Protein backbone atom coordinates (compact mmCIF):
# COMPACT_ATOMS: atom_id res chain seq x y z
CA MET A 1 -6.18 29.59 5.36
CA ARG A 2 -3.77 29.41 2.41
CA ILE A 3 -2.47 26.01 3.60
CA LEU A 4 -6.02 24.63 3.71
CA ILE A 5 -6.75 25.92 0.20
CA ASP A 6 -3.52 24.36 -1.13
CA PHE A 7 -4.41 21.04 0.52
CA LEU A 8 -7.98 20.93 -0.78
CA SER A 9 -7.01 21.97 -4.31
CA LEU A 10 -4.69 18.94 -4.69
CA ARG A 11 -1.48 20.90 -5.05
CA PRO A 12 1.40 18.59 -6.04
CA VAL A 13 3.28 18.93 -2.74
CA TRP A 14 0.24 17.97 -0.68
CA THR A 15 -0.78 15.21 -3.06
CA ARG A 16 2.66 13.62 -2.94
CA ARG A 17 2.76 13.76 0.84
CA GLY A 18 -0.74 12.32 1.04
CA LEU A 19 0.20 9.43 -1.24
CA GLU A 20 3.31 8.79 0.86
CA VAL A 21 1.21 8.71 4.03
CA ILE A 22 -1.19 6.24 2.43
CA TRP A 23 1.71 4.05 1.29
CA TYR A 24 3.38 3.93 4.70
CA ALA A 25 0.07 3.27 6.47
CA TYR A 26 -0.68 0.39 4.11
CA LEU A 27 2.86 -0.94 4.49
CA VAL A 28 2.58 -0.94 8.28
CA ALA A 29 -0.84 -2.60 8.14
CA THR A 30 0.49 -5.32 5.84
CA LEU A 31 3.53 -5.94 8.04
CA ILE A 32 1.28 -6.24 11.09
CA GLN A 33 -0.99 -8.67 9.24
CA ILE A 34 1.95 -10.81 8.10
CA GLY A 35 3.41 -10.68 11.61
CA LEU A 36 0.14 -11.96 13.04
CA PHE A 37 0.08 -14.82 10.53
CA VAL A 38 3.68 -15.77 11.28
CA GLY A 39 3.06 -15.52 15.02
CA PHE A 40 0.03 -17.73 14.66
CA ILE A 41 2.06 -20.29 12.73
CA TYR A 42 4.77 -20.42 15.39
CA SER A 43 2.35 -20.48 18.31
CA GLY A 44 0.76 -23.74 17.23
CA LEU A 45 3.71 -25.65 15.81
CA GLY A 46 3.14 -28.75 17.92
CA ALA A 47 -0.64 -28.51 18.26
CA VAL A 48 -1.75 -29.10 14.67
CA GLY A 49 -0.51 -30.90 11.60
CA GLY A 50 1.91 -29.43 9.10
CA GLY A 51 -0.73 -29.10 6.38
CA TYR A 52 -2.57 -26.52 8.44
CA HIS A 53 0.43 -24.23 8.47
CA LEU A 54 0.77 -24.52 4.71
CA SER A 55 -2.77 -23.17 4.38
CA LEU A 56 -1.58 -19.90 5.96
CA ILE A 57 0.84 -19.31 3.08
CA SER A 58 -2.04 -18.20 0.86
CA PRO A 59 -3.10 -15.22 3.04
CA ILE A 60 0.52 -14.15 3.36
CA LEU A 61 0.98 -14.22 -0.42
CA PHE A 62 -2.27 -12.31 -0.94
CA ALA A 63 -1.14 -9.67 1.56
CA LEU A 64 2.13 -9.24 -0.34
CA ALA A 65 0.29 -9.12 -3.68
CA HIS A 66 -2.08 -6.44 -2.35
CA LEU A 67 0.91 -4.49 -1.10
CA ALA A 68 2.47 -4.61 -4.56
CA LEU A 69 -0.79 -3.55 -6.23
CA VAL A 70 -1.25 -0.63 -3.85
CA ARG A 71 2.30 0.49 -4.62
CA ILE A 72 1.66 0.30 -8.37
CA PHE A 73 -1.60 2.25 -8.12
CA LEU A 74 -0.03 4.89 -5.89
CA GLU A 75 2.82 5.32 -8.38
CA LEU A 76 0.30 5.75 -11.19
CA ALA A 77 -1.71 8.22 -9.13
CA ALA A 78 1.43 10.18 -8.33
CA ARG A 79 2.37 10.40 -11.99
CA VAL A 80 -1.10 11.52 -13.05
CA LEU A 81 -1.76 13.95 -10.19
CA ILE A 82 1.70 15.41 -9.73
CA ASN A 83 3.00 15.42 -13.30
CA PRO A 84 -0.08 15.55 -15.53
CA ARG A 85 0.36 15.02 -19.22
CA GLU A 86 0.76 18.24 -21.09
CA GLU A 87 -1.52 18.86 -24.00
CA ALA A 88 0.07 18.15 -27.32
CA ALA A 89 1.06 21.39 -29.00
CA PRO A 90 -0.56 21.90 -32.39
CA ASN A 91 1.92 21.64 -35.25
C-alpha cells in the first residue's frame, strides 16, 4: 500500500522513473517511425522519381524535432517536479 501511495503522490523517485519510461517509449516510437520512412524510401528506389523520396525528408525531420522537444519538456518537468524551487528566505 505504501508503494502505491508513494507513486500517486508524485514522489521524486517515482516521478523520475516515470519520466524516463516516457522518454524511452517516445524514443522507440520515433526510431520505429524513422525506420519505416527509411524502409519505404529504399523499397521504392526504382519505382518512382527521386523527387518523391526528397518529400519524405520532411516527416523524418519533424520526427527528430518532436523527439528533441519531448526531451526538452521532460527535462523541464524533471527539474520542476523532482527539484522544485525553494521559497526565497526572507531577509
